[in-house]
Protein backbone atom coordinates (compact mmCIF):
# COMPACT_ATOMS: atom_id res chain seq x y z
CA ILE A 1 17.49 -1.53 -17.91
CA GLY A 2 15.84 -1.17 -21.33
CA MET A 3 18.36 -3.60 -22.82
CA CYS A 4 18.22 -6.12 -19.95
CA GLN A 5 18.07 -9.74 -21.16
CA ARG A 6 18.67 -11.56 -17.86
CA CYS A 7 15.31 -13.34 -17.83
CA VAL A 8 14.47 -13.44 -21.54
CA GLY A 9 14.30 -17.05 -22.65
CA SER A 10 15.69 -18.16 -19.31
CA HIS A 11 14.74 -21.64 -18.18
CA ALA A 12 14.70 -20.37 -14.58
CA CYS A 13 11.99 -17.89 -15.62
CA ASP A 14 10.09 -20.54 -17.58
CA ASN A 15 10.24 -18.29 -20.66
CA GLU A 16 7.70 -15.99 -18.96
CA VAL A 17 9.25 -12.63 -19.88
CA VAL A 18 7.82 -11.04 -23.01
CA GLU A 19 10.93 -9.72 -24.77
CA GLU A 20 8.98 -7.49 -27.19
CA CYS A 21 7.74 -5.42 -24.24
CA LEU A 22 10.47 -3.14 -22.98
CA PRO A 23 11.08 -3.20 -19.22
CA VAL A 24 9.20 -0.65 -17.12
CA PRO A 25 10.89 0.01 -13.78
CA PHE A 26 8.61 2.99 -13.09
CA PHE A 27 5.55 4.91 -14.26
CA GLY A 28 5.67 8.69 -13.97
CA ASP A 29 8.67 10.88 -13.23
CA ILE A 30 10.44 9.43 -10.19
CA SER A 31 12.88 12.33 -9.98
CA HIS A 32 10.26 15.09 -10.15
CA PRO A 33 10.90 17.71 -7.43
CA LEU A 34 7.21 17.66 -6.37
CA LEU A 35 7.16 13.87 -5.86
CA LYS A 36 5.88 12.95 -2.38
CA VAL A 37 4.64 9.35 -2.63
CA VAL A 38 5.40 6.28 -4.71
CA THR A 39 3.20 3.23 -4.99
CA VAL A 40 5.07 -0.04 -5.37
CA GLY A 41 3.66 -3.03 -7.24
CA LEU A 42 4.90 -6.33 -8.62
CA ASN A 43 5.35 -5.96 -12.39
CA PRO A 44 3.82 -4.25 -15.42
CA ALA A 45 0.71 -5.96 -16.75
CA LEU A 46 0.86 -7.47 -20.21
CA ASN A 47 -2.33 -5.59 -21.08
CA GLU A 48 -0.32 -2.36 -20.85
CA TYR A 49 0.97 -3.47 -24.27
CA TYR A 50 -1.67 -5.78 -25.77
CA HIS A 51 -5.44 -5.98 -26.05
CA GLY A 52 -6.85 -9.35 -27.10
CA GLY A 53 -3.39 -10.56 -28.13
CA VAL A 54 -2.87 -7.62 -30.51
CA PRO A 55 -0.51 -4.72 -29.73
CA LYS A 56 -2.35 -1.56 -28.72
CA THR A 57 -1.74 1.60 -30.72
CA ARG A 58 1.56 3.31 -29.88
CA ASN A 59 -0.08 6.13 -27.92
CA GLN A 60 -2.10 3.65 -25.82
CA ARG A 61 0.74 1.40 -24.69
CA LEU A 62 4.23 1.31 -23.33
CA ALA A 63 7.31 0.98 -25.55
CA MET A 64 7.88 -2.18 -27.58
CA LEU A 65 10.75 -3.34 -29.78
CA ALA A 66 8.61 -2.80 -32.89
CA ASP A 67 8.44 0.93 -32.12
CA TYR A 68 12.15 1.11 -32.87
CA LYS A 69 12.18 -1.54 -35.63
CA MET A 70 14.40 -3.81 -33.55
CA ASN A 71 14.28 -7.57 -32.94
CA ALA A 72 16.13 -7.66 -29.61
CA ARG A 73 16.56 -5.35 -26.65
CA THR A 74 20.33 -5.43 -27.12
CA GLU A 75 19.89 -3.71 -30.52
CA LEU A 76 18.26 -0.61 -29.02
CA ARG A 77 20.07 2.71 -29.43
CA ASP A 78 20.48 5.40 -26.78
CA THR A 79 17.81 7.50 -28.51
CA ASP A 80 15.38 4.55 -28.38
CA LEU A 81 16.00 4.06 -24.66
CA ALA A 82 15.58 7.79 -24.01
CA ASP A 83 12.26 7.75 -25.88
CA ALA A 84 11.01 4.72 -23.92
CA LYS A 85 11.98 6.43 -20.64
CA ALA A 86 10.23 9.66 -21.66
CA ARG A 87 7.07 7.68 -22.48
CA ARG A 88 7.15 6.07 -19.02
CA GLU A 89 7.64 9.46 -17.40
CA ARG A 90 4.64 10.91 -19.30
CA TYR A 91 2.43 7.89 -18.64
CA PHE A 92 0.02 9.77 -16.36
CA ASN A 93 0.05 13.04 -18.31
CA ALA A 94 -0.50 11.93 -21.90
CA SER A 95 -3.93 13.36 -22.70
CA ASP A 96 -4.65 10.70 -25.33
CA ARG A 97 -3.68 7.72 -23.15
CA ASN A 98 -5.91 5.56 -20.97
CA TRP A 99 -4.43 4.42 -17.68
CA HIS A 100 -4.45 0.80 -16.62
CA PRO A 101 -7.39 0.24 -14.20
CA TYR A 102 -4.87 -0.53 -11.43
CA PHE A 103 -3.72 3.09 -11.51
CA GLU A 104 -7.28 4.40 -11.43
CA LYS A 105 -7.73 2.56 -8.12
CA MET A 106 -4.35 3.59 -6.76
CA GLU A 107 -4.98 7.25 -7.67
CA SER A 108 -8.04 7.09 -5.45
CA VAL A 109 -6.04 5.50 -2.61
CA VAL A 110 -3.17 8.00 -2.64
CA ASN A 111 -5.57 10.92 -2.98
CA ARG A 112 -7.54 9.74 0.05
CA VAL A 113 -4.37 9.51 2.12
CA ASN A 114 -3.46 13.05 1.10
CA PRO A 115 -5.56 15.16 -1.31
CA ALA A 116 -2.38 16.78 -2.66
CA TRP A 117 -1.03 13.43 -3.88
CA SER A 118 -1.81 12.55 -7.47
CA TYR A 119 -0.16 10.83 -10.40
CA VAL A 120 -1.44 13.63 -12.66
CA ARG A 121 0.06 16.40 -10.52
CA GLU A 122 3.34 14.44 -10.42
CA THR A 123 3.27 14.27 -6.63
CA ALA A 124 2.86 10.49 -7.02
CA ALA A 125 4.60 7.90 -9.21
CA HIS A 126 4.78 4.10 -9.36
CA LEU A 127 7.62 1.57 -9.14
CA ASP A 128 7.48 -2.12 -9.93
CA LEU A 129 9.55 -4.75 -8.14
CA VAL A 130 10.05 -6.55 -11.48
CA ALA A 131 10.35 -4.38 -14.60
CA CYS A 132 9.29 -6.93 -17.22
CA ALA A 133 5.83 -7.95 -18.29
CA THR A 134 5.16 -11.68 -18.05
CA LYS A 135 2.99 -13.92 -20.22
CA ASP A 136 1.03 -15.07 -17.18
CA ARG A 137 -0.31 -13.06 -14.25
CA TRP A 138 2.03 -12.85 -11.26
CA SER A 139 -0.31 -14.99 -9.15
CA GLU A 140 -0.06 -17.78 -11.75
CA LEU A 141 3.74 -17.89 -11.89
CA ALA A 142 5.67 -20.68 -10.19
CA PRO A 143 7.33 -19.62 -6.92
CA GLU A 144 10.79 -20.35 -8.39
CA THR A 145 10.03 -18.13 -11.38
CA LYS A 146 8.89 -15.27 -9.15
CA ALA A 147 12.03 -15.58 -7.02
CA HIS A 148 14.27 -15.54 -10.09
CA LEU A 149 12.52 -12.49 -11.58
CA VAL A 150 12.80 -10.58 -8.30
CA LYS A 151 16.46 -11.54 -7.90
CA ASN A 152 17.34 -10.46 -11.44
CA CYS A 153 15.51 -7.13 -11.10
CA ARG A 154 16.81 -6.28 -7.64
CA GLU A 155 19.64 -4.09 -8.94
CA HIS A 156 17.29 -2.14 -11.22
CA PHE A 157 14.67 -1.75 -8.47
CA LEU A 158 17.25 -0.46 -5.99
CA ALA A 159 18.55 2.00 -8.60
CA SER A 160 15.01 3.35 -9.05
CA LEU A 161 14.56 3.63 -5.28
CA SER A 162 17.82 5.56 -4.97
CA SER A 163 16.55 8.03 -7.61
CA LEU A 164 13.61 9.07 -5.44
CA PRO A 165 13.78 12.46 -3.73
CA ASN A 166 14.61 12.29 -0.01
CA GLY A 167 11.54 11.83 2.16
CA THR A 168 9.43 10.13 -0.51
CA ILE A 169 6.81 7.89 1.09
CA LEU A 170 6.43 4.34 -0.26
CA LEU A 171 3.01 2.67 -0.36
CA CYS A 172 3.55 -1.03 -1.02
CA ASP A 173 0.77 -3.03 -2.65
CA GLY A 174 0.54 -6.40 -0.96
CA PRO A 175 2.71 -8.64 1.21
CA ARG A 176 5.09 -9.79 -1.58
CA VAL A 177 6.13 -6.20 -2.32
């Protein structure tokens, strides 16, 4: 998925996908043996990568093409993709990283449902329906654009779902998910 270009520069997606930001199908380790619950959202926020239009420091953001000195996702090497995946898997456990406020709220929700569930303890993880960050917020995207993004990411989303341990509970955030 890290090399996926389906929506990049696509007229159907209104050029919404930010190619520099590598796709993020999940946050946390979705194959961890202790995993019990997965929250499901729409897509990674652009502010996971940027603050005020400037890229955050490497340890405070998700993987970007510049981290690997590449100009296109298709140029990424296997080692680059493995590094990006490892960074996603460590998202909740990197001691020097600040979580997106969304996850602060969701941590509270999952912990209230069951005190043993936590992103930090790796009993919880997060999936996104669409793996790419978009220039505009999901709520501001045209309905056709949303439909195209979901359609193009379906295969990746289903692959992530199939990686979950049997019996994992899904908590979906909102009616679209």
